[in-house]
Amino acid sequence: MKKSQIHMTGTAYGSILALYIGCEWYGHAADVLRELETQGFNLDIASHGLLIRTFAKVDDKMKPLLQAVEASKFAVCKVLAKLSLEESPDHSHLSPILYEKVVGFLDGLKDEDEARTTLIQLYNAFLDYFWQRGLTGTSKMLLEKARKVYALNTRPRKHSKEWTLDVRGLSVGGAIVAVIDWLLDAEDNVAVSINSSDLGDLNMVLITGGTEEPQFSTSLKGFLLGFLKKHESPFIESSENPKKIQAAAADVVKWVSQGTFKEKLGFIV
């Protein structure tokens, strides 16, 4: 490309970086990361998210890229380098010091209208990172912070006949954490009234978005349906609204209370 005198941009380098990482050509990916820095380009938002999600699972093949990240002066690389030094935990929380480094990085982003998309995408990338690493407690902590910053609509809401959870705008990791927390809350708060006459009319409704929604809502809906089906939940796609997945609250409480759900997921908060 240099010989052809093609004009390179940060976004162009980012596309090549994505190609190399996708093909697991980590030595070439490392060269591109170094070239980005040498040429004075900034990492674009897509490359930020790509690197964060990639480093959720570090193996020996990634050593060249890990070395490039450790040597990089990019802010996100400094965070990832510190995170990669922590051994795979046997618990659900990242160390407080490292968590604060992630939060500090996110808080350092400009909270302006033009930076809102960047903020959302990086929060979502770290939610995926923590979920993939099995850091369920840390995932929940970051989700609660995200709900104060941009994901206000993702708090569960109770109506007369529905208890809804809207996960639109969250990444897969963030959505899974929100769903699990919601289900465990159902066990704690609904089970006490399982014999009441009105519980049979209460539905738990998960709003995932439809095919016309932007970004990853279609894949998010499919992933959540597959996740809930895998764990033999009573949730099904709504026949009236393709943006919703729902089940009777009484059936959900019975399912969650069986105990196997929490053990299978290892969800600790």
C-alpha atoms as a PDB file:
ATOM      1  CA  MET A   1       0.000   0.000   0.000  1.00  0.00           C
ATOM      2  CA  LYS A   2       2.898   2.348   0.723  1.00  0.00           C
ATOM      3  CA  LYS A   3       4.466   1.550  -2.644  1.00  0.00           C
ATOM      4  CA  SER A   4       1.165   2.336  -4.326  1.00  0.00           C
ATOM      5  CA  GLN A   5       1.142   5.706  -2.525  1.00  0.00           C
ATOM      6  CA  ILE A   6      -2.333   5.070  -1.154  1.00  0.00           C
ATOM      7  CA  HIS A   7      -3.335   7.808   1.273  1.00  0.00           C
ATOM      8  CA  MET A   8      -3.670   6.174   4.685  1.00  0.00           C
ATOM      9  CA  THR A   9      -5.881   7.388   7.507  1.00  0.00           C
ATOM     10  CA  GLY A  10      -6.424   6.229  11.059  1.00  0.00           C
ATOM     11  CA  THR A  11      -9.675   4.594   9.991  1.00  0.00           C
ATOM     12  CA  ALA A  12      -7.919   2.745   7.162  1.00  0.00           C
ATOM     13  CA  TYR A  13      -5.312   1.415   9.569  1.00  0.00           C
ATOM     14  CA  GLY A  14      -8.148   0.456  11.924  1.00  0.00           C
ATOM     15  CA  SER A  15      -9.798  -1.604   9.196  1.00  0.00           C
ATOM     16  CA  ILE A  16      -6.540  -3.465   8.540  1.00  0.00           C
ATOM     17  CA  LEU A  17      -6.112  -4.018  12.276  1.00  0.00           C
ATOM     18  CA  ALA A  18      -9.600  -5.541  12.443  1.00  0.00           C
ATOM     19  CA  LEU A  19      -8.787  -7.839   9.506  1.00  0.00           C
ATOM     20  CA  TYR A  20      -5.570  -9.103  11.071  1.00  0.00           C
ATOM     21  CA  ILE A  21      -7.131  -9.660  14.505  1.00  0.00           C
ATOM     22  CA  GLY A  22     -10.133 -11.387  12.933  1.00  0.00           C
ATOM     23  CA  CYS A  23      -7.772 -13.771  11.117  1.00  0.00           C
ATOM     24  CA  GLU A  24      -5.678 -14.183  14.287  1.00  0.00           C
ATOM     25  CA  TRP A  25      -2.604 -12.764  12.547  1.00  0.00           C
ATOM     26  CA  TYR A  26      -1.461 -11.124  15.737  1.00  0.00           C
ATOM     27  CA  GLY A  27       2.081 -10.383  14.590  1.00  0.00           C
ATOM     28  CA  HIS A  28       0.737  -8.321  11.685  1.00  0.00           C
ATOM     29  CA  ALA A  29      -1.834  -6.688  14.003  1.00  0.00           C
ATOM     30  CA  ALA A  30       1.001  -5.667  16.311  1.00  0.00           C
ATOM     31  CA  ASP A  31       2.850  -4.065  13.370  1.00  0.00           C
ATOM     32  CA  VAL A  32      -0.262  -2.086  12.422  1.00  0.00           C
ATOM     33  CA  LEU A  33      -0.726  -0.845  15.991  1.00  0.00           C
ATOM     34  CA  ARG A  34       2.884   0.344  16.057  1.00  0.00           C
ATOM     35  CA  GLU A  35       2.489   1.955  12.629  1.00  0.00           C
ATOM     36  CA  LEU A  36      -0.585   3.855  13.798  1.00  0.00           C
ATOM     37  CA  GLU A  37       1.423   5.358  16.624  1.00  0.00           C
ATOM     38  CA  THR A  38       4.524   6.008  14.494  1.00  0.00           C
ATOM     39  CA  GLN A  39       2.459   7.876  11.903  1.00  0.00           C
ATOM     40  CA  GLY A  40       0.793   9.987  14.586  1.00  0.00           C
ATOM     41  CA  PHE A  41      -2.734   8.669  14.080  1.00  0.00           C
ATOM     42  CA  ASN A  42      -5.272   8.177  16.843  1.00  0.00           C
ATOM     43  CA  LEU A  43      -7.088   4.902  17.372  1.00  0.00           C
ATOM     44  CA  ASP A  44     -10.601   5.173  15.989  1.00  0.00           C
ATOM     45  CA  ILE A  45     -13.574   4.136  18.111  1.00  0.00           C
ATOM     46  CA  ALA A  46     -13.991   0.799  16.323  1.00  0.00           C
ATOM     47  CA  SER A  47     -10.370  -0.123  17.082  1.00  0.00           C
ATOM     48  CA  HIS A  48     -10.880   0.762  20.741  1.00  0.00           C
ATOM     49  CA  GLY A  49     -13.809  -1.622  21.003  1.00  0.00           C
ATOM     50  CA  LEU A  50     -12.016  -4.302  18.999  1.00  0.00           C
ATOM     51  CA  LEU A  51      -8.943  -4.304  21.242  1.00  0.00           C
ATOM     52  CA  ILE A  52     -10.993  -4.291  24.463  1.00  0.00           C
ATOM     53  CA  ARG A  53     -13.090  -7.286  23.396  1.00  0.00           C
ATOM     54  CA  THR A  54     -10.061  -9.118  21.972  1.00  0.00           C
ATOM     55  CA  PHE A  55      -8.199  -8.927  25.282  1.00  0.00           C
ATOM     56  CA  ALA A  56     -11.044 -10.559  27.200  1.00  0.00           C
ATOM     57  CA  LYS A  57      -9.419 -13.885  26.267  1.00  0.00           C
ATOM     58  CA  VAL A  58      -5.614 -13.729  26.097  1.00  0.00           C
ATOM     59  CA  ASP A  59      -3.669 -16.779  24.926  1.00  0.00           C
ATOM     60  CA  ASP A  60      -0.119 -17.553  23.805  1.00  0.00           C
ATOM     61  CA  LYS A  61      -0.886 -16.770  20.148  1.00  0.00           C
ATOM     62  CA  MET A  62      -1.603 -13.175  21.121  1.00  0.00           C
ATOM     63  CA  LYS A  63       1.860 -12.555  22.583  1.00  0.00           C
ATOM     64  CA  PRO A  64       3.052 -10.245  19.733  1.00  0.00           C
ATOM     65  CA  LEU A  65      -0.061  -8.087  20.037  1.00  0.00           C
ATOM     66  CA  LEU A  66       0.152  -8.088  23.822  1.00  0.00           C
ATOM     67  CA  GLN A  67       3.740  -6.850  23.622  1.00  0.00           C
ATOM     68  CA  ALA A  68       2.703  -4.066  21.232  1.00  0.00           C
ATOM     69  CA  VAL A  69      -0.140  -3.052  23.560  1.00  0.00           C
ATOM     70  CA  GLU A  70       2.193  -3.021  26.570  1.00  0.00           C
ATOM     71  CA  ALA A  71       4.598  -0.721  24.704  1.00  0.00           C
ATOM     72  CA  SER A  72       1.875   1.563  23.357  1.00  0.00           C
ATOM     73  CA  LYS A  73       1.139   5.041  24.665  1.00  0.00           C
ATOM     74  CA  PHE A  74      -2.526   4.917  23.668  1.00  0.00           C
ATOM     75  CA  ALA A  75      -4.659   5.366  26.819  1.00  0.00           C
ATOM     76  CA  VAL A  76      -6.799   2.295  26.178  1.00  0.00           C
ATOM     77  CA  CYS A  77      -3.686   0.175  25.624  1.00  0.00           C
ATOM     78  CA  LYS A  78      -2.286   1.273  28.979  1.00  0.00           C
ATOM     79  CA  VAL A  79      -5.497   0.090  30.644  1.00  0.00           C
ATOM     80  CA  LEU A  80      -5.518  -3.213  28.750  1.00  0.00           C
ATOM     81  CA  ALA A  81      -1.867  -3.846  29.547  1.00  0.00           C
ATOM     82  CA  LYS A  82      -2.574  -3.551  33.271  1.00  0.00           C
ATOM     83  CA  LEU A  83      -5.683  -5.735  33.004  1.00  0.00           C
ATOM     84  CA  SER A  84      -3.782  -8.431  31.107  1.00  0.00           C
ATOM     85  CA  LEU A  85      -1.247  -8.761  33.934  1.00  0.00           C
ATOM     86  CA  GLU A  86      -3.925  -9.992  36.342  1.00  0.00           C
ATOM     87  CA  GLU A  87      -4.209 -13.754  36.366  1.00  0.00           C
ATOM     88  CA  SER A  88      -7.547 -15.318  35.477  1.00  0.00           C
ATOM     89  CA  PRO A  89      -9.612 -14.799  38.627  1.00  0.00           C
ATOM     90  CA  ASP A  90     -11.513 -17.550  40.390  1.00  0.00           C
ATOM     91  CA  HIS A  91     -14.058 -15.041  41.671  1.00  0.00           C
ATOM     92  CA  SER A  92     -16.444 -12.544  40.142  1.00  0.00           C
ATOM     93  CA  HIS A  93     -14.740  -9.217  40.824  1.00  0.00           C
ATOM     94  CA  LEU A  94     -11.784  -7.423  39.290  1.00  0.00           C
ATOM     95  CA  SER A  95      -9.448  -5.934  41.866  1.00  0.00           C
ATOM     96  CA  PRO A  96     -10.670  -2.485  43.027  1.00  0.00           C
ATOM     97  CA  ILE A  97      -7.488  -0.788  41.832  1.00  0.00           C
ATOM     98  CA  LEU A  98      -7.843  -2.120  38.282  1.00  0.00           C
ATOM     99  CA  TYR A  99     -11.570  -1.419  38.207  1.00  0.00           C
ATOM    100  CA  GLU A 100     -10.868   2.198  39.148  1.00  0.00           C
ATOM    101  CA  LYS A 101      -8.400   2.423  36.254  1.00  0.00           C
ATOM    102  CA  VAL A 102     -11.139   1.348  33.853  1.00  0.00           C
ATOM    103  CA  VAL A 103     -13.607   3.790  35.406  1.00  0.00           C
ATOM    104  CA  GLY A 104     -11.006   6.548  35.318  1.00  0.00           C
ATOM    105  CA  PHE A 105     -10.420   5.919  31.618  1.00  0.00           C
ATOM    106  CA  LEU A 106     -14.159   6.100  30.900  1.00  0.00           C
ATOM    107  CA  ASP A 107     -14.646   9.170  33.087  1.00  0.00           C
ATOM    108  CA  GLY A 108     -11.847  10.871  31.205  1.00  0.00           C
ATOM    109  CA  LEU A 109     -13.833  10.816  27.983  1.00  0.00           C
ATOM    110  CA  LYS A 110     -15.526  14.044  27.031  1.00  0.00           C
ATOM    111  CA  ASP A 111     -19.213  13.908  27.929  1.00  0.00           C
ATOM    112  CA  GLU A 112     -20.322  16.037  24.996  1.00  0.00           C
ATOM    113  CA  ASP A 113     -23.036  15.382  22.427  1.00  0.00           C
ATOM    114  CA  GLU A 114     -20.529  14.492  19.703  1.00  0.00           C
ATOM    115  CA  ALA A 115     -18.710  12.140  22.086  1.00  0.00           C
ATOM    116  CA  ARG A 116     -21.851  10.309  23.265  1.00  0.00           C
ATOM    117  CA  THR A 117     -21.498   7.534  20.680  1.00  0.00           C
ATOM    118  CA  THR A 118     -17.894   6.989  21.698  1.00  0.00           C
ATOM    119  CA  LEU A 119     -18.869   6.819  25.370  1.00  0.00           C
ATOM    120  CA  ILE A 120     -21.636   4.279  24.728  1.00  0.00           C
ATOM    121  CA  GLN A 121     -19.469   2.039  22.556  1.00  0.00           C
ATOM    122  CA  LEU A 122     -16.611   1.940  25.049  1.00  0.00           C
ATOM    123  CA  TYR A 123     -18.889   1.195  27.984  1.00  0.00           C
ATOM    124  CA  ASN A 124     -20.432  -1.623  25.940  1.00  0.00           C
ATOM    125  CA  ALA A 125     -16.998  -2.962  24.991  1.00  0.00           C
ATOM    126  CA  PHE A 126     -15.918  -3.138  28.637  1.00  0.00           C
ATOM    127  CA  LEU A 127     -19.238  -4.742  29.623  1.00  0.00           C
ATOM    128  CA  ASP A 128     -18.502  -7.464  27.053  1.00  0.00           C
ATOM    129  CA  TYR A 129     -14.913  -7.706  28.335  1.00  0.00           C
ATOM    130  CA  PHE A 130     -15.935  -8.246  31.959  1.00  0.00           C
ATOM    131  CA  TRP A 131     -18.691 -10.697  31.053  1.00  0.00           C
ATOM    132  CA  GLN A 132     -16.368 -12.769  28.833  1.00  0.00           C
ATOM    133  CA  ARG A 133     -13.820 -12.946  31.631  1.00  0.00           C
ATOM    134  CA  GLY A 134     -16.450 -14.233  34.055  1.00  0.00           C
ATOM    135  CA  LEU A 135     -16.264 -11.074  36.170  1.00  0.00           C
ATOM    136  CA  THR A 136     -20.005 -11.017  36.815  1.00  0.00           C
ATOM    137  CA  GLY A 137     -19.826  -8.811  39.908  1.00  0.00           C
ATOM    138  CA  THR A 138     -17.673  -6.238  38.114  1.00  0.00           C
ATOM    139  CA  SER A 139     -20.018  -6.410  35.109  1.00  0.00           C
ATOM    140  CA  LYS A 140     -22.932  -5.497  37.349  1.00  0.00           C
ATOM    141  CA  MET A 141     -20.971  -2.601  38.907  1.00  0.00           C
ATOM    142  CA  LEU A 142     -20.152  -1.173  35.486  1.00  0.00           C
ATOM    143  CA  LEU A 143     -23.747  -1.656  34.313  1.00  0.00           C
ATOM    144  CA  GLU A 144     -24.990   0.387  37.277  1.00  0.00           C
ATOM    145  CA  LYS A 145     -22.532   3.136  36.341  1.00  0.00           C
ATOM    146  CA  ALA A 146     -23.640   2.955  32.705  1.00  0.00           C
ATOM    147  CA  ARG A 147     -27.251   3.385  33.831  1.00  0.00           C
ATOM    148  CA  LYS A 148     -26.293   6.721  35.358  1.00  0.00           C
ATOM    149  CA  VAL A 149     -24.422   7.853  32.258  1.00  0.00           C
ATOM    150  CA  TYR A 150     -26.370   6.693  29.193  1.00  0.00           C
ATOM    151  CA  ALA A 151     -28.433   3.521  29.775  1.00  0.00           C
ATOM    152  CA  LEU A 152     -31.258   5.045  31.818  1.00  0.00           C
ATOM    153  CA  ASN A 153     -33.906   3.069  29.937  1.00  0.00           C
ATOM    154  CA  THR A 154     -32.410  -0.269  31.030  1.00  0.00           C
ATOM    155  CA  ARG A 155     -33.744  -0.197  34.588  1.00  0.00           C
ATOM    156  CA  PRO A 156     -36.646  -2.638  35.164  1.00  0.00           C
ATOM    157  CA  ARG A 157     -40.082  -1.031  35.346  1.00  0.00           C
ATOM    158  CA  LYS A 158     -43.273  -2.433  36.855  1.00  0.00           C
ATOM    159  CA  HIS A 159     -46.697  -1.714  35.394  1.00  0.00           C
ATOM    160  CA  SER A 160     -50.087  -3.146  36.262  1.00  0.00           C
ATOM    161  CA  LYS A 161     -49.709  -6.288  34.147  1.00  0.00           C
ATOM    162  CA  GLU A 162     -46.079  -6.162  33.033  1.00  0.00           C
ATOM    163  CA  TRP A 163     -42.640  -6.060  34.553  1.00  0.00           C
ATOM    164  CA  THR A 164     -40.385  -4.886  31.739  1.00  0.00           C
ATOM    165  CA  LEU A 165     -36.647  -4.777  31.132  1.00  0.00           C
ATOM    166  CA  ASP A 166     -35.471  -2.761  28.128  1.00  0.00           C
ATOM    167  CA  VAL A 167     -31.957  -3.793  27.027  1.00  0.00           C
ATOM    168  CA  ARG A 168     -31.843  -1.810  23.793  1.00  0.00           C
ATOM    169  CA  GLY A 169     -28.540   0.023  23.508  1.00  0.00           C
ATOM    170  CA  LEU A 170     -26.618  -2.466  25.657  1.00  0.00           C
ATOM    171  CA  SER A 171     -23.997  -4.853  24.320  1.00  0.00           C
ATOM    172  CA  VAL A 172     -24.517  -8.605  24.605  1.00  0.00           C
ATOM    173  CA  GLY A 173     -22.486  -8.746  27.834  1.00  0.00           C
ATOM    174  CA  GLY A 174     -24.325  -5.815  29.366  1.00  0.00           C
ATOM    175  CA  ALA A 175     -27.702  -7.209  28.340  1.00  0.00           C
ATOM    176  CA  ILE A 176     -26.966 -10.656  29.797  1.00  0.00           C
ATOM    177  CA  VAL A 177     -25.914  -9.122  33.113  1.00  0.00           C
ATOM    178  CA  ALA A 178     -29.048  -6.949  33.187  1.00  0.00           C
ATOM    179  CA  VAL A 179     -31.265  -9.961  32.421  1.00  0.00           C
ATOM    180  CA  ILE A 180     -29.691 -12.191  35.079  1.00  0.00           C
ATOM    181  CA  ASP A 181     -29.918  -9.478  37.725  1.00  0.00           C
ATOM    182  CA  TRP A 182     -33.577  -8.945  36.783  1.00  0.00           C
ATOM    183  CA  LEU A 183     -34.334 -12.663  37.057  1.00  0.00           C
ATOM    184  CA  LEU A 184     -32.680 -12.957  40.469  1.00  0.00           C
ATOM    185  CA  ASP A 185     -34.632  -9.898  41.572  1.00  0.00           C
ATOM    186  CA  ALA A 186     -37.786 -11.690  40.446  1.00  0.00           C
ATOM    187  CA  GLU A 187     -36.941 -14.613  42.687  1.00  0.00           C
ATOM    188  CA  ASP A 188     -36.345 -12.310  45.669  1.00  0.00           C
ATOM    189  CA  ASN A 189     -39.324  -9.985  45.255  1.00  0.00           C
ATOM    190  CA  VAL A 190     -42.012 -11.911  43.413  1.00  0.00           C
ATOM    191  CA  ALA A 191     -41.733 -15.320  45.033  1.00  0.00           C
ATOM    192  CA  VAL A 192     -43.175 -14.005  48.296  1.00  0.00           C
ATOM    193  CA  SER A 193     -46.482 -13.445  46.527  1.00  0.00           C
ATOM    194  CA  ILE A 194     -46.472 -16.553  44.364  1.00  0.00           C
ATOM    195  CA  ASN A 195     -49.817 -17.645  45.780  1.00  0.00           C
ATOM    196  CA  SER A 196     -51.530 -14.283  45.337  1.00  0.00           C
ATOM    197  CA  SER A 197     -54.396 -14.075  42.893  1.00  0.00           C
ATOM    198  CA  ASP A 198     -52.863 -11.316  40.745  1.00  0.00           C
ATOM    199  CA  LEU A 199     -49.493 -12.965  40.048  1.00  0.00           C
ATOM    200  CA  GLY A 200     -50.974 -15.117  37.322  1.00  0.00           C
ATOM    201  CA  ASP A 201     -51.742 -11.962  35.326  1.00  0.00           C
ATOM    202  CA  LEU A 202     -48.250 -10.489  35.627  1.00  0.00           C
ATOM    203  CA  ASN A 203     -45.903 -10.971  32.673  1.00  0.00           C
ATOM    204  CA  MET A 204     -42.167 -10.388  32.619  1.00  0.00           C
ATOM    205  CA  VAL A 205     -41.308  -8.689  29.332  1.00  0.00           C
ATOM    206  CA  LEU A 206     -37.839  -8.285  27.825  1.00  0.00           C
ATOM    207  CA  ILE A 207     -37.621  -5.525  25.199  1.00  0.00           C
ATOM    208  CA  THR A 208     -34.808  -6.266  22.747  1.00  0.00           C
ATOM    209  CA  GLY A 209     -35.734  -4.222  19.696  1.00  0.00           C
ATOM    210  CA  GLY A 210     -36.731  -5.381  16.240  1.00  0.00           C
ATOM    211  CA  THR A 211     -35.122  -5.829  12.854  1.00  0.00           C
ATOM    212  CA  GLU A 212     -35.481  -2.136  12.020  1.00  0.00           C
ATOM    213  CA  GLU A 213     -33.519  -1.066  15.092  1.00  0.00           C
ATOM    214  CA  PRO A 214     -29.965   0.270  14.594  1.00  0.00           C
ATOM    215  CA  GLN A 215     -26.687  -1.377  15.567  1.00  0.00           C
ATOM    216  CA  PHE A 216     -26.823  -4.905  16.940  1.00  0.00           C
ATOM    217  CA  SER A 217     -30.437  -5.235  18.180  1.00  0.00           C
ATOM    218  CA  THR A 218     -31.280  -8.145  15.847  1.00  0.00           C
ATOM    219  CA  SER A 219     -28.271 -10.197  16.916  1.00  0.00           C
ATOM    220  CA  LEU A 220     -28.910  -9.173  20.524  1.00  0.00           C
ATOM    221  CA  LYS A 221     -32.462 -10.478  20.345  1.00  0.00           C
ATOM    222  CA  GLY A 222     -31.308 -13.748  18.774  1.00  0.00           C
ATOM    223  CA  PHE A 223     -28.548 -14.172  21.344  1.00  0.00           C
ATOM    224  CA  LEU A 224     -30.899 -13.592  24.271  1.00  0.00           C
ATOM    225  CA  LEU A 225     -33.478 -16.006  22.867  1.00  0.00           C
ATOM    226  CA  GLY A 226     -30.764 -18.628  22.447  1.00  0.00           C
ATOM    227  CA  PHE A 227     -29.386 -17.955  25.933  1.00  0.00           C
ATOM    228  CA  LEU A 228     -32.818 -18.290  27.571  1.00  0.00           C
ATOM    229  CA  LYS A 229     -33.678 -21.384  25.546  1.00  0.00           C
ATOM    230  CA  LYS A 230     -30.374 -23.014  26.461  1.00  0.00           C
ATOM    231  CA  HIS A 231     -31.234 -22.633  30.122  1.00  0.00           C
ATOM    232  CA  GLU A 232     -34.756 -24.010  29.534  1.00  0.00           C
ATOM    233  CA  SER A 233     -36.499 -20.805  30.524  1.00  0.00           C
ATOM    234  CA  PRO A 234     -40.224 -20.178  29.911  1.00  0.00           C
ATOM    235  CA  PHE A 235     -39.476 -17.061  27.827  1.00  0.00           C
ATOM    236  CA  ILE A 236     -40.660 -16.997  24.209  1.00  0.00           C
ATOM    237  CA  GLU A 237     -40.871 -14.392  21.481  1.00  0.00           C
ATOM    238  CA  SER A 238     -44.050 -12.337  21.739  1.00  0.00           C
ATOM    239  CA  SER A 239     -46.580 -13.186  19.027  1.00  0.00           C
ATOM    240  CA  GLU A 240     -47.944  -9.640  19.176  1.00  0.00           C
ATOM    241  CA  ASN A 241     -44.717  -7.635  19.191  1.00  0.00           C
ATOM    242  CA  PRO A 242     -41.483  -8.905  17.554  1.00  0.00           C
ATOM    243  CA  LYS A 243     -39.471  -6.508  19.747  1.00  0.00           C
ATOM    244  CA  LYS A 244     -40.402  -8.395  22.909  1.00  0.00           C
ATOM    245  CA  ILE A 245     -39.585 -11.690  24.647  1.00  0.00           C
ATOM    246  CA  GLN A 246     -41.950 -12.585  27.467  1.00  0.00           C
ATOM    247  CA  ALA A 247     -43.152 -15.150  29.999  1.00  0.00           C
ATOM    248  CA  ALA A 248     -45.627 -15.364  32.879  1.00  0.00           C
ATOM    249  CA  ALA A 249     -44.017 -14.112  36.096  1.00  0.00           C
ATOM    250  CA  ALA A 250     -45.191 -17.190  38.001  1.00  0.00           C
ATOM    251  CA  ASP A 251     -43.444 -19.463  35.493  1.00  0.00           C
ATOM    252  CA  VAL A 252     -40.244 -17.411  35.673  1.00  0.00           C
ATOM    253  CA  VAL A 253     -40.156 -17.506  39.462  1.00  0.00           C
ATOM    254  CA  LYS A 254     -40.699 -21.261  39.463  1.00  0.00           C
ATOM    255  CA  TRP A 255     -37.898 -21.713  36.911  1.00  0.00           C
ATOM    256  CA  VAL A 256     -35.365 -19.471  38.680  1.00  0.00           C
ATOM    257  CA  SER A 257     -36.210 -20.927  42.086  1.00  0.00           C
ATOM    258  CA  GLN A 258     -35.221 -24.407  40.930  1.00  0.00           C
ATOM    259  CA  GLY A 259     -31.652 -23.392  41.756  1.00  0.00           C
ATOM    260  CA  THR A 260     -29.879 -24.801  38.705  1.00  0.00           C
ATOM    261  CA  PHE A 261     -30.030 -21.456  36.910  1.00  0.00           C
ATOM    262  CA  LYS A 262     -27.675 -19.680  39.320  1.00  0.00           C
ATOM    263  CA  GLU A 263     -25.304 -22.628  39.653  1.00  0.00           C
ATOM    264  CA  LYS A 264     -24.937 -23.000  35.890  1.00  0.00           C
ATOM    265  CA  LEU A 265     -24.121 -19.331  35.450  1.00  0.00           C
ATOM    266  CA  GLY A 266     -22.011 -18.929  38.550  1.00  0.00           C
ATOM    267  CA  PHE A 267     -23.516 -15.492  38.963  1.00  0.00           C
ATOM    268  CA  ILE A 268     -22.087 -13.872  42.100  1.00  0.00           C
ATOM    269  CA  VAL A 269     -22.642 -10.238  43.026  1.00  0.00           C
END
